[in-house]
Protein backbone atom coordinates (compact mmCIF):
# COMPACT_ATOMS: atom_id res chain seq x y z
CA MET A 1 16.89 1.89 -17.13
CA ILE A 2 14.75 -0.34 -14.87
CA SER A 3 12.22 -2.41 -16.79
CA TYR A 4 8.46 -2.67 -16.33
CA GLU A 5 8.82 -6.14 -14.90
CA VAL A 6 11.25 -5.07 -12.18
CA TYR A 7 8.93 -2.28 -11.14
CA LYS A 8 5.92 -4.68 -11.12
CA ILE A 9 7.73 -7.11 -8.92
CA LEU A 10 8.96 -4.39 -6.56
CA HIS A 11 5.34 -2.99 -6.29
CA ILE A 12 3.72 -6.34 -5.63
CA MET A 13 6.33 -7.74 -3.31
CA THR A 14 6.45 -4.60 -1.09
CA LEU A 15 2.67 -4.47 -1.02
CA LEU A 16 2.54 -8.01 0.08
CA THR A 17 5.18 -7.25 2.75
CA LEU A 18 3.23 -4.27 3.98
CA LEU A 19 0.15 -6.33 4.33
CA PHE A 20 2.09 -9.00 6.00
CA SER A 21 3.15 -6.40 8.58
CA VAL A 22 -0.49 -5.47 9.21
CA GLY A 23 -1.25 -9.11 10.13
CA LEU A 24 1.83 -9.27 12.34
CA SER A 25 0.92 -6.00 14.16
CA LEU A 26 -2.61 -7.32 14.70
CA ASN A 27 -1.29 -10.45 16.41
CA ASN A 28 1.60 -9.12 18.17
CA VAL A 29 1.40 -5.73 19.93
CA GLU A 30 5.00 -5.88 21.21
CA ILE A 31 6.40 -6.01 17.70
CA SER A 32 4.26 -3.03 16.34
CA SER A 33 5.31 -0.79 19.21
CA LYS A 34 9.11 -1.12 18.37
CA ARG A 35 10.78 1.67 16.57
CA SER A 36 12.50 -0.63 14.13
CA PHE A 37 9.19 -2.14 13.04
CA ARG A 38 7.80 1.45 12.34
CA ILE A 39 10.92 2.41 10.36
CA ILE A 40 10.80 -0.68 8.27
CA TYR A 41 7.11 -0.20 7.73
CA GLY A 42 7.73 3.36 6.44
CA VAL A 43 10.54 2.27 4.14
CA VAL A 44 8.42 -0.57 2.63
CA SER A 45 5.42 1.84 2.22
CA PHE A 46 7.72 4.25 0.42
CA LEU A 47 8.91 1.36 -1.88
CA VAL A 48 5.30 0.53 -2.77
CA PHE A 49 4.91 4.18 -3.91
CA VAL A 50 8.21 4.17 -5.91
CA GLY A 51 7.26 0.85 -7.60
CA GLY A 52 3.80 2.24 -8.50
CA MET A 53 5.30 5.46 -9.91
CA GLY A 54 7.83 3.48 -11.86
CA LEU A 55 5.04 1.48 -13.40
CA ILE A 56 3.18 4.59 -14.36
CA ALA A 57 6.28 5.90 -16.08
CA ARG A 58 6.81 2.57 -17.85
CA ILE A 59 3.26 2.39 -19.21
CA GLY A 60 3.88 5.63 -21.11
CA ILE A 61 2.31 8.42 -18.92
CA LYS A 62 4.63 11.31 -19.27
CA HIS A 63 5.57 13.79 -16.55
CA GLY A 64 3.07 16.57 -16.23
CA GLU A 65 0.14 14.56 -17.80
CA ALA A 66 -2.92 14.09 -15.83
CA PHE A 67 -3.27 10.63 -14.34
CA PRO A 68 -6.20 8.43 -15.51
CA ALA A 69 -8.88 7.85 -12.89
CA TRP A 70 -7.66 4.32 -12.10
CA ILE A 71 -4.38 5.58 -11.15
CA MET A 72 -5.94 8.30 -8.89
CA VAL A 73 -7.99 5.49 -7.19
CA LYS A 74 -4.72 3.62 -6.54
CA ILE A 75 -3.09 6.68 -5.05
CA VAL A 76 -6.01 7.43 -2.88
CA ALA A 77 -6.04 3.71 -1.82
CA TRP A 78 -2.29 3.97 -0.89
CA ILE A 79 -2.96 6.99 1.32
CA VAL A 80 -6.07 5.35 3.02
CA LEU A 81 -4.05 2.11 3.47
CA ASN A 82 -1.23 3.98 5.18
CA LEU A 83 -3.64 5.95 7.42
CA LEU A 84 -5.41 2.78 8.50
CA ILE A 85 -2.10 0.95 9.27
CA VAL A 86 -1.04 3.93 11.42
CA LEU A 87 -4.40 3.69 13.16
CA ILE A 88 -3.85 0.03 13.76
CA LEU A 89 -0.43 0.68 15.20
CA LYS A 90 -1.74 3.50 17.48
CA THR A 91 -4.92 1.96 18.90
CA LYS A 92 -5.26 -0.51 21.73
CA ASN A 93 -8.86 -1.48 20.95
CA GLN A 94 -9.03 -4.86 19.13
CA LYS A 95 -12.38 -4.12 17.52
CA THR A 96 -10.87 -0.97 15.94
CA LYS A 97 -7.93 -2.95 14.82
CA TYR A 98 -10.11 -5.59 13.12
CA PHE A 99 -12.38 -2.98 11.64
CA CYS A 100 -9.26 -1.34 10.09
CA ALA A 101 -7.94 -4.69 8.92
CA VAL A 102 -11.27 -5.48 7.07
CA THR A 103 -11.30 -1.97 5.61
CA ILE A 104 -7.72 -2.48 4.43
CA ALA A 105 -8.79 -5.62 2.69
CA VAL A 106 -11.64 -3.79 0.90
CA VAL A 107 -9.32 -0.86 -0.14
CA VAL A 108 -6.72 -3.32 -1.49
CA PHE A 109 -9.51 -5.08 -3.47
CA ILE A 110 -10.70 -1.80 -5.00
CA ALA A 111 -7.13 -0.82 -5.84
CA VAL A 112 -6.32 -4.14 -7.42
CA MET A 113 -9.61 -4.22 -9.44
CA SER A 114 -8.93 -0.63 -10.65
CA ALA A 115 -5.46 -1.69 -11.85
CA ILE A 116 -6.69 -4.82 -13.58
CA THR A 117 -9.78 -3.47 -15.22
CA LYS A 118 -8.61 0.14 -15.67
CA MET A 119 -12.30 1.05 -15.87
CA LEU A 120 -12.57 3.89 -13.40
């Protein structure tokens, strides 16, 4: 059985890797257009989700129970984050890329605050 700490490390490290890839794709168009980069991005994004779901299981939420609002906020943030990253990878317009990057920063801030405060 995997511990809470392992899931937390997996979740945080893969999220940091995902955000690092956003910065990399903003600065280097050639890297973001490569198939291997997109595959790695997809795997890392999936691992962020796996780490998050593992954390949910470790805090005691049972299968079939309704998620608290703060978890729903984090799931929506993960979906929005992935959509914005795909938009960054697809668009050629630098202004759109930077707008998406700022929006990603806001979404990540909201997700982190909802996890820390658990108020939503």
